[in-house]
PDB file of N, CA and C in Angstrom:
ATOM      1  N   MET A   1      11.526  13.490  16.121  1.00  0.00           N
ATOM      2  CA  MET A   1      10.680  13.438  14.934  1.00  0.00           C
ATOM      3  C   MET A   1       9.244  13.130  15.387  1.00  0.00           C
ATOM      4  N   PRO A   2       8.270  13.918  14.929  1.00  0.00           N
ATOM      5  CA  PRO A   2       6.867  13.655  15.292  1.00  0.00           C
ATOM      6  C   PRO A   2       6.403  12.272  14.818  1.00  0.00           C
ATOM      7  N   GLU A   3       5.435  11.723  15.532  1.00  0.00           N
ATOM      8  CA  GLU A   3       4.949  10.362  15.251  1.00  0.00           C
ATOM      9  C   GLU A   3       4.461  10.185  13.814  1.00  0.00           C
ATOM     10  N   LYS A   4       3.727  11.140  13.267  1.00  0.00           N
ATOM     11  CA  LYS A   4       3.219  10.950  11.906  1.00  0.00           C
ATOM     12  C   LYS A   4       4.345  10.956  10.876  1.00  0.00           C
ATOM     13  N   GLU A   5       5.422  11.679  11.121  1.00  0.00           N
ATOM     14  CA  GLU A   5       6.563  11.632  10.206  1.00  0.00           C
ATOM     15  C   GLU A   5       7.234  10.265  10.262  1.00  0.00           C
ATOM     16  N   LYS A   6       7.298   9.661  11.439  1.00  0.00           N
ATOM     17  CA  LYS A   6       7.866   8.316  11.571  1.00  0.00           C
ATOM     18  C   LYS A   6       7.062   7.321  10.742  1.00  0.00           C
ATOM     19  N   MET A   7       5.744   7.468  10.757  1.00  0.00           N
ATOM     20  CA  MET A   7       4.882   6.550  10.018  1.00  0.00           C
ATOM     21  C   MET A   7       5.177   6.613   8.517  1.00  0.00           C
ATOM     22  N   PHE A   8       5.403   7.797   7.983  1.00  0.00           N
ATOM     23  CA  PHE A   8       5.613   7.947   6.546  1.00  0.00           C
ATOM     24  C   PHE A   8       7.033   7.625   6.108  1.00  0.00           C
ATOM     25  N   ASN A   9       7.929   7.410   7.041  1.00  0.00           N
ATOM     26  CA  ASN A   9       9.300   7.043   6.702  1.00  0.00           C
ATOM     27  C   ASN A   9       9.519   5.540   6.758  1.00  0.00           C
ATOM     28  N   LYS A  10       8.458   4.763   6.950  1.00  0.00           N
ATOM     29  CA  LYS A  10       8.551   3.306   7.005  1.00  0.00           C
ATOM     30  C   LYS A  10       8.155   2.702   5.663  1.00  0.00           C
ATOM     31  N   GLU A  11       8.600   1.453   5.457  1.00  0.00           N
ATOM     32  CA  GLU A  11       8.218   0.729   4.244  1.00  0.00           C
ATOM     33  C   GLU A  11       6.709   0.493   4.259  1.00  0.00           C
ATOM     34  N   LEU A  12       6.076   0.710   3.118  1.00  0.00           N
ATOM     35  CA  LEU A  12       4.635   0.560   3.003  1.00  0.00           C
ATOM     36  C   LEU A  12       4.276  -0.888   2.688  1.00  0.00           C
ATOM     37  N   LYS A  13       3.333  -1.452   3.458  1.00  0.00           N
ATOM     38  CA  LYS A  13       2.800  -2.790   3.208  1.00  0.00           C
ATOM     39  C   LYS A  13       1.281  -2.659   3.219  1.00  0.00           C
ATOM     40  N   VAL A  14       0.638  -3.159   2.156  1.00  0.00           N
ATOM     41  CA  VAL A  14      -0.781  -2.899   1.957  1.00  0.00           C
ATOM     42  C   VAL A  14      -1.554  -4.193   1.783  1.00  0.00           C
ATOM     43  N   ILE A  15      -2.745  -4.249   2.396  1.00  0.00           N
ATOM     44  CA  ILE A  15      -3.723  -5.301   2.106  1.00  0.00           C
ATOM     45  C   ILE A  15      -4.846  -4.609   1.348  1.00  0.00           C
ATOM     46  N   ASN A  16      -5.031  -4.998   0.102  1.00  0.00           N
ATOM     47  CA  ASN A  16      -6.052  -4.408  -0.757  1.00  0.00           C
ATOM     48  C   ASN A  16      -7.256  -5.347  -0.789  1.00  0.00           C
ATOM     49  N   ILE A  17      -8.423  -4.805  -0.477  1.00  0.00           N
ATOM     50  CA  ILE A  17      -9.638  -5.619  -0.454  1.00  0.00           C
ATOM     51  C   ILE A  17     -10.599  -5.065  -1.494  1.00  0.00           C
ATOM     52  N   GLY A  18     -10.887  -5.889  -2.508  1.00  0.00           N
ATOM     53  CA  GLY A  18     -11.877  -5.479  -3.493  1.00  0.00           C
ATOM     54  C   GLY A  18     -11.327  -5.231  -4.876  1.00  0.00           C
ATOM     55  N   ILE A  19     -11.085  -3.976  -5.201  1.00  0.00           N
ATOM     56  CA  ILE A  19     -10.756  -3.599  -6.573  1.00  0.00           C
ATOM     57  C   ILE A  19      -9.298  -3.943  -6.889  1.00  0.00           C
ATOM     58  N   GLU A  20      -9.113  -4.924  -7.760  1.00  0.00           N
ATOM     59  CA  GLU A  20      -7.777  -5.435  -8.075  1.00  0.00           C
ATOM     60  C   GLU A  20      -6.882  -4.386  -8.732  1.00  0.00           C
ATOM     61  N   MET A  21      -7.479  -3.450  -9.435  1.00  0.00           N
ATOM     62  CA  MET A  21      -6.712  -2.405 -10.109  1.00  0.00           C
ATOM     63  C   MET A  21      -5.861  -1.613  -9.106  1.00  0.00           C
ATOM     64  N   PHE A  22      -6.373  -1.399  -7.891  1.00  0.00           N
ATOM     65  CA  PHE A  22      -5.599  -0.686  -6.874  1.00  0.00           C
ATOM     66  C   PHE A  22      -4.334  -1.462  -6.533  1.00  0.00           C
ATOM     67  N   ALA A  23      -4.456  -2.778  -6.359  1.00  0.00           N
ATOM     68  CA  ALA A  23      -3.295  -3.619  -6.057  1.00  0.00           C
ATOM     69  C   ALA A  23      -2.314  -3.605  -7.218  1.00  0.00           C
ATOM     70  N   ASP A  24      -2.813  -3.665  -8.433  1.00  0.00           N
ATOM     71  CA  ASP A  24      -1.945  -3.637  -9.616  1.00  0.00           C
ATOM     72  C   ASP A  24      -1.117  -2.350  -9.658  1.00  0.00           C
ATOM     73  N   ASP A  25      -1.763  -1.229  -9.378  1.00  0.00           N
ATOM     74  CA  ASP A  25      -1.053   0.053  -9.403  1.00  0.00           C
ATOM     75  C   ASP A  25       0.026   0.116  -8.326  1.00  0.00           C
ATOM     76  N   LEU A  26      -0.262  -0.436  -7.157  1.00  0.00           N
ATOM     77  CA  LEU A  26       0.741  -0.457  -6.091  1.00  0.00           C
ATOM     78  C   LEU A  26       1.916  -1.356  -6.457  1.00  0.00           C
ATOM     79  N   GLU A  27       1.624  -2.508  -7.040  1.00  0.00           N
ATOM     80  CA  GLU A  27       2.695  -3.418  -7.459  1.00  0.00           C
ATOM     81  C   GLU A  27       3.609  -2.749  -8.482  1.00  0.00           C
ATOM     82  N   LYS A  28       3.049  -1.962  -9.379  1.00  0.00           N
ATOM     83  CA  LYS A  28       3.852  -1.250 -10.380  1.00  0.00           C
ATOM     84  C   LYS A  28       4.807  -0.249  -9.730  1.00  0.00           C
ATOM     85  N   GLN A  29       4.479   0.171  -8.503  1.00  0.00           N
ATOM     86  CA  GLN A  29       5.319   1.116  -7.771  1.00  0.00           C
ATOM     87  C   GLN A  29       6.203   0.402  -6.744  1.00  0.00           C
ATOM     88  N   ASN A  30       6.307  -0.929  -6.883  1.00  0.00           N
ATOM     89  CA  ASN A  30       7.130  -1.761  -5.996  1.00  0.00           C
ATOM     90  C   ASN A  30       6.696  -1.708  -4.534  1.00  0.00           C
ATOM     91  N   VAL A  31       5.387  -1.592  -4.310  1.00  0.00           N
ATOM     92  CA  VAL A  31       4.836  -1.632  -2.958  1.00  0.00           C
ATOM     93  C   VAL A  31       4.453  -3.074  -2.656  1.00  0.00           C
ATOM     94  N   ASP A  32       4.777  -3.536  -1.446  1.00  0.00           N
ATOM     95  CA  ASP A  32       4.423  -4.880  -1.013  1.00  0.00           C
ATOM     96  C   ASP A  32       2.910  -4.907  -0.764  1.00  0.00           C
ATOM     97  N   VAL A  33       2.173  -5.640  -1.598  1.00  0.00           N
ATOM     98  CA  VAL A  33       0.713  -5.629  -1.518  1.00  0.00           C
ATOM     99  C   VAL A  33       0.152  -7.039  -1.632  1.00  0.00           C
ATOM    100  N   ILE A  34      -0.891  -7.297  -0.859  1.00  0.00           N
ATOM    101  CA  ILE A  34      -1.655  -8.544  -0.942  1.00  0.00           C
ATOM    102  C   ILE A  34      -3.062  -8.153  -1.366  1.00  0.00           C
ATOM    103  N   HIS A  35      -3.583  -8.831  -2.378  1.00  0.00           N
ATOM    104  CA  HIS A  35      -4.929  -8.531  -2.859  1.00  0.00           C
ATOM    105  C   HIS A  35      -5.893  -9.620  -2.400  1.00  0.00           C
ATOM    106  N   VAL A  36      -7.026  -9.204  -1.853  1.00  0.00           N
ATOM    107  CA  VAL A  36      -8.094 -10.117  -1.453  1.00  0.00           C
ATOM    108  C   VAL A  36      -9.272  -9.870  -2.385  1.00  0.00           C
ATOM    109  N   ASP A  37      -9.669 -10.904  -3.117  1.00  0.00           N
ATOM    110  CA  ASP A  37     -10.781 -10.781  -4.063  1.00  0.00           C
ATOM    111  C   ASP A  37     -12.088 -10.893  -3.285  1.00  0.00           C
ATOM    112  N   TRP A  38     -12.584  -9.767  -2.808  1.00  0.00           N
ATOM    113  CA  TRP A  38     -13.795  -9.729  -1.998  1.00  0.00           C
ATOM    114  C   TRP A  38     -14.858  -8.931  -2.725  1.00  0.00           C
ATOM    115  N   ARG A  39     -16.085  -9.401  -2.611  1.00  0.00           N
ATOM    116  CA  ARG A  39     -17.242  -8.687  -3.165  1.00  0.00           C
ATOM    117  C   ARG A  39     -18.341  -8.687  -2.109  1.00  0.00           C
ATOM    118  N   PRO A  40     -19.139  -7.639  -2.067  1.00  0.00           N
ATOM    119  CA  PRO A  40     -20.234  -7.603  -1.095  1.00  0.00           C
ATOM    120  C   PRO A  40     -21.176  -8.788  -1.309  1.00  0.00           C
ATOM    121  N   PRO A  41     -21.684  -9.325  -0.222  1.00  0.00           N
ATOM    122  CA  PRO A  41     -22.618 -10.464  -0.350  1.00  0.00           C
ATOM    123  C   PRO A  41     -23.939 -10.053  -0.979  1.00  0.00           C
TER     124      PRO A  41
END
């Protein structure tokens, strides 16, 4: 199996930085996500 196919067959874990709506949408799809409330200085 090619390397990129192996990557897409693994469980997705996401660190979301910034827009909380992105993390919310991932959580609704049962994706393991951590949200960091970051804003530009």
